[in-house]
Protein backbone atom coordinates (compact mmCIF):
# COMPACT_ATOMS: atom_id res chain seq x y z
CA MET A 1 -15.16 -18.74 30.47
CA ARG A 2 -11.96 -17.18 31.85
CA PHE A 3 -9.82 -18.92 34.43
CA GLN A 4 -7.92 -16.72 36.86
CA ALA A 5 -4.72 -18.26 38.19
CA PRO A 6 -4.23 -17.75 41.94
CA GLU A 7 -2.00 -14.80 42.67
CA SER A 8 1.59 -15.82 43.29
CA LEU A 9 3.25 -15.10 46.62
CA SER A 10 5.49 -12.51 45.00
CA GLU A 11 2.41 -10.75 43.53
CA GLN A 12 0.75 -10.69 46.95
CA ILE A 13 3.90 -9.19 48.46
CA ALA A 14 4.08 -6.65 45.64
CA GLN A 15 0.50 -5.60 46.30
CA HIS A 16 1.21 -5.26 50.03
CA ILE A 17 4.30 -3.09 49.51
CA GLY A 18 2.64 -1.23 46.65
CA GLN A 19 -0.31 -0.25 48.83
CA ARG A 20 2.07 1.11 51.46
CA ILE A 21 3.67 3.24 48.73
CA ILE A 22 0.30 4.41 47.39
CA VAL A 23 -0.87 5.63 50.82
CA ARG A 24 2.56 7.21 51.47
CA ASP A 25 3.39 4.95 54.38
CA LEU A 26 6.57 4.35 52.38
CA LYS A 27 7.70 7.70 51.06
CA PRO A 28 9.63 8.68 47.91
CA GLY A 29 13.34 8.04 48.32
CA GLN A 30 12.84 5.57 51.17
CA ARG A 31 14.62 2.22 50.94
CA VAL A 32 12.60 -0.98 50.87
CA GLN A 33 14.79 -3.47 52.70
CA GLU A 34 14.42 -7.05 51.53
CA LEU A 35 15.47 -8.59 54.84
CA LYS A 36 13.11 -6.43 56.89
CA VAL A 37 10.13 -7.11 54.62
CA ALA A 38 10.90 -10.85 54.57
CA GLY A 39 10.96 -10.89 58.37
CA GLU A 40 7.75 -8.87 58.73
CA LEU A 41 5.83 -11.07 56.30
CA ASN A 42 7.55 -14.35 57.17
CA VAL A 43 8.52 -15.02 53.56
CA SER A 44 11.79 -15.68 51.77
CA ARG A 45 14.07 -12.90 50.53
CA GLY A 46 13.78 -14.42 47.07
CA SER A 47 10.00 -13.84 47.07
CA VAL A 48 10.52 -10.26 48.24
CA ARG A 49 13.14 -9.73 45.52
CA GLU A 50 10.67 -10.94 42.87
CA ALA A 51 8.00 -8.64 44.32
CA LEU A 52 10.34 -5.66 44.05
CA LEU A 53 10.95 -6.46 40.39
CA ILE A 54 7.18 -6.40 39.85
CA LEU A 55 6.99 -3.01 41.59
CA GLU A 56 9.84 -1.73 39.43
CA ARG A 57 7.82 -2.60 36.32
CA ARG A 58 4.89 -0.70 37.83
CA HIS A 59 7.12 2.34 38.43
CA LEU A 60 6.66 2.33 42.20
CA VAL A 61 10.28 1.53 43.04
CA GLU A 62 13.67 1.91 41.45
CA ILE A 63 16.37 -0.71 41.98
CA PHE A 64 19.99 0.39 42.19
CA PRO A 65 23.16 -1.72 42.34
CA ARG A 66 24.46 -2.10 45.91
CA ARG A 67 21.69 0.17 47.22
CA GLY A 68 18.68 -1.99 46.51
CA ALA A 69 15.08 -0.86 46.04
CA VAL A 70 14.04 2.71 46.69
CA VAL A 71 10.53 4.17 46.44
CA SER A 72 10.40 6.13 43.20
CA GLU A 73 9.93 9.89 43.21
CA LEU A 74 6.78 11.55 41.94
CA THR A 75 7.99 14.25 39.58
CA PRO A 76 6.09 16.63 37.28
CA ASP A 77 7.60 14.84 34.27
CA SER A 78 6.54 11.40 35.50
CA VAL A 79 3.02 12.64 36.33
CA ASP A 80 2.68 14.24 32.90
CA ALA A 81 3.88 11.08 31.15
CA LEU A 82 1.49 8.93 33.19
CA TYR A 83 -1.59 11.06 32.55
CA ASP A 84 -0.80 11.49 28.85
CA ILE A 85 -1.17 7.79 28.19
CA TYR A 86 -3.70 6.92 30.92
CA ILE A 87 -6.28 9.43 29.67
CA ASP A 88 -5.94 8.01 26.14
CA LEU A 89 -6.36 4.45 27.41
CA LEU A 90 -9.51 5.36 29.36
CA CYS A 91 -10.95 7.01 26.26
CA MET A 92 -10.22 3.82 24.31
CA LEU A 93 -11.96 1.74 26.98
CA GLY A 94 -15.02 4.00 26.81
CA ARG A 95 -15.15 3.86 23.01
CA LYS A 96 -14.90 0.06 23.00
CA VAL A 97 -17.77 -0.22 25.47
CA LEU A 98 -20.04 1.94 23.31
CA GLU A 99 -19.03 0.08 20.15
CA ARG A 100 -20.27 -3.18 21.65
CA TRP A 101 -23.22 -2.14 23.78
CA SER A 102 -26.19 0.22 23.46
CA GLY A 103 -27.85 2.40 26.10
CA PRO A 104 -30.38 -0.06 27.62
CA GLU A 105 -27.70 -2.73 27.91
CA LEU A 106 -25.49 -0.38 29.92
CA GLY A 107 -27.76 -0.27 32.94
CA GLY A 108 -25.08 -2.13 34.87
CA VAL A 109 -22.75 0.85 34.51
CA MET A 110 -25.26 3.06 36.31
CA SER A 111 -25.59 0.40 39.02
CA GLN A 112 -21.82 0.48 39.53
CA VAL A 113 -21.89 4.27 39.75
CA LYS A 114 -24.70 4.10 42.33
CA GLU A 115 -22.56 1.70 44.38
CA LEU A 116 -19.69 4.20 44.24
CA GLN A 117 -22.02 7.01 45.33
CA ALA A 118 -23.24 4.84 48.21
CA VAL A 119 -19.64 4.33 49.34
CA ILE A 120 -19.03 8.09 49.22
CA ASP A 121 -22.29 8.91 51.02
CA ALA A 122 -21.43 6.47 53.80
CA LEU A 123 -17.95 7.86 54.25
CA ASN A 124 -16.73 10.21 56.90
CA SER A 125 -14.45 12.36 54.73
CA ASN A 126 -11.98 12.51 57.62
CA ALA A 127 -11.74 8.74 57.94
CA PRO A 128 -8.14 7.58 57.49
CA ASP A 129 -9.07 5.14 54.72
CA ALA A 130 -11.58 7.38 52.92
CA ALA A 131 -9.30 7.95 49.95
CA GLU A 132 -8.55 4.22 49.62
CA GLN A 133 -12.26 3.32 49.62
CA VAL A 134 -13.08 5.89 46.95
CA ILE A 135 -10.21 4.75 44.73
CA ASP A 136 -11.24 1.10 45.03
CA ALA A 137 -14.89 1.92 44.30
CA GLY A 138 -13.85 3.90 41.23
CA PHE A 139 -11.85 1.01 39.89
CA GLY A 140 -14.91 -1.18 40.44
CA VAL A 141 -16.60 0.74 37.61
CA MET A 142 -13.59 0.08 35.38
CA ARG A 143 -13.62 -3.63 36.22
CA TYR A 144 -17.23 -3.76 35.10
CA ALA A 145 -16.24 -2.13 31.79
CA TYR A 146 -13.53 -4.76 31.31
CA ARG A 147 -16.14 -7.49 31.40
CA LEU A 148 -18.19 -5.71 28.75
CA ILE A 149 -15.43 -5.43 26.16
CA GLU A 150 -13.55 -8.68 26.87
CA ASN A 151 -10.24 -7.31 25.64
CA PRO A 152 -7.55 -8.90 27.84
CA PHE A 153 -4.79 -6.75 26.33
CA LEU A 154 -6.46 -3.45 27.18
CA GLU A 155 -7.49 -4.76 30.59
CA GLU A 156 -3.98 -5.90 31.43
CA THR A 157 -2.47 -2.61 30.26
CA LEU A 158 -4.87 -0.52 32.35
CA GLU A 159 -4.44 -2.75 35.39
CA ASN A 160 -0.67 -2.36 35.15
CA PHE A 161 -1.20 1.40 35.35
CA ARG A 162 -3.50 1.09 38.33
CA PRO A 163 -0.85 1.30 41.11
CA ALA A 164 0.85 4.36 39.62
CA ILE A 165 -2.41 6.21 38.95
CA SER A 166 -3.76 5.24 42.39
CA ARG A 167 -0.66 6.76 43.92
CA THR A 168 -1.24 10.13 42.25
CA TYR A 169 -4.99 9.99 42.90
CA TYR A 170 -4.35 9.36 46.60
CA VAL A 171 -2.18 12.48 46.72
CA ALA A 172 -5.01 14.55 45.27
CA LEU A 173 -7.67 13.09 47.57
CA GLU A 174 -5.53 13.59 50.67
CA HIS A 175 -4.94 17.26 49.88
CA PHE A 176 -8.34 18.16 48.43
CA ARG A 177 -11.21 16.43 50.21
CA THR A 178 -13.59 18.04 47.71
CA GLU A 179 -12.07 15.60 45.18
CA ILE A 180 -14.16 12.81 46.71
CA GLU A 181 -17.40 14.42 45.52
CA GLU A 182 -15.69 15.48 42.28
CA THR A 183 -15.03 11.80 41.66
CA ALA A 184 -18.69 10.91 42.18
CA THR A 185 -19.73 13.70 39.78
CA PHE A 186 -17.26 12.43 37.17
CA PHE A 187 -18.66 8.91 37.23
CA ARG A 188 -22.25 10.16 37.08
CA HIS A 189 -21.46 12.21 33.98
CA LEU A 190 -19.56 9.25 32.54
CA ALA A 191 -22.52 6.93 33.06
CA ASP A 192 -24.96 9.45 31.55
CA ALA A 193 -22.80 9.77 28.42
CA ALA A 194 -22.56 5.97 28.13
CA ILE A 195 -26.30 5.40 28.59
CA ASN A 196 -27.00 8.01 25.89
CA GLY A 197 -24.43 6.40 23.56
CA ASN A 198 -22.62 9.72 23.20
CA SER A 199 -18.99 8.74 22.59
CA ASP A 200 -17.85 12.34 21.99
CA LEU A 201 -19.27 13.47 25.32
CA LEU A 202 -17.87 10.41 27.06
CA GLU A 203 -14.36 11.20 25.82
CA GLN A 204 -14.79 14.84 26.80
CA VAL A 205 -15.79 13.86 30.35
CA ILE A 206 -12.78 11.54 30.67
CA GLN A 207 -10.34 14.11 29.29
CA GLU A 208 -11.64 16.95 31.46
CA PHE A 209 -11.49 14.91 34.66
CA GLY A 210 -8.07 13.51 33.75
CA GLU A 211 -6.69 16.98 33.11
CA HIS A 212 -8.27 18.21 36.34
CA GLN A 213 -6.54 15.41 38.27
CA ARG A 214 -3.24 16.11 36.54
CA LYS A 215 -3.47 19.79 37.49
CA GLN A 216 -4.26 18.99 41.13
CA VAL A 217 -1.35 16.57 41.49
CA LEU A 218 1.11 18.91 39.78
CA SER A 219 0.05 21.78 42.03
CA ILE A 220 0.67 19.61 45.12
CA LEU A 221 4.12 18.55 43.89
CA THR A 222 5.02 22.18 43.19
CA GLU A 223 3.93 23.15 46.70
CA GLU A 224 5.82 20.28 48.35
CA ASN A 225 9.01 21.07 46.44
CA ALA A 226 8.85 24.82 47.06
């Protein structure tokens, strides 16, 4: 049995600010003012300061002397560095699942993928929160995989990457609405490879989709900076 400690106030604040950064409500280079956030959320500046330190560790803000916290920039170098390690970590997660479980026991993975497809089917692709719903449903599949392997170190590492990868994924989904169905296709292929116990195919599916996402995000950054 695992006991989850309640999220601290600073973590809740970090998630609130982080989500605003992910959906580009707070844009790169924009200051995050402690006093303003504290007033809006009716919390202490100390709690906001701790939340900003959490966001700094998650690479969503940078903190400068005398200037305070600023939303970090998305650069080609940072995107490349993020995807280099994230793709490898997802491949590791997939391998660990197949090492511990066989095809018939992975029926739950397909159930999670069907839930994701149901979310996508029910969506109006022009809905303002469509991208957020797809991202959250996709991470639901990963959370299921965490439970299968019971490796808290890998889970914690991937979860720490979640805000940064969600930020880039949101950029891709906002610019290319076809990415919503691409996401569903990716998870279907992933589930098929898992059910068949084909670790080589599973890694190939992860790598191809990861590289596809990287390419989409980099193309958007190049266009925005032109």
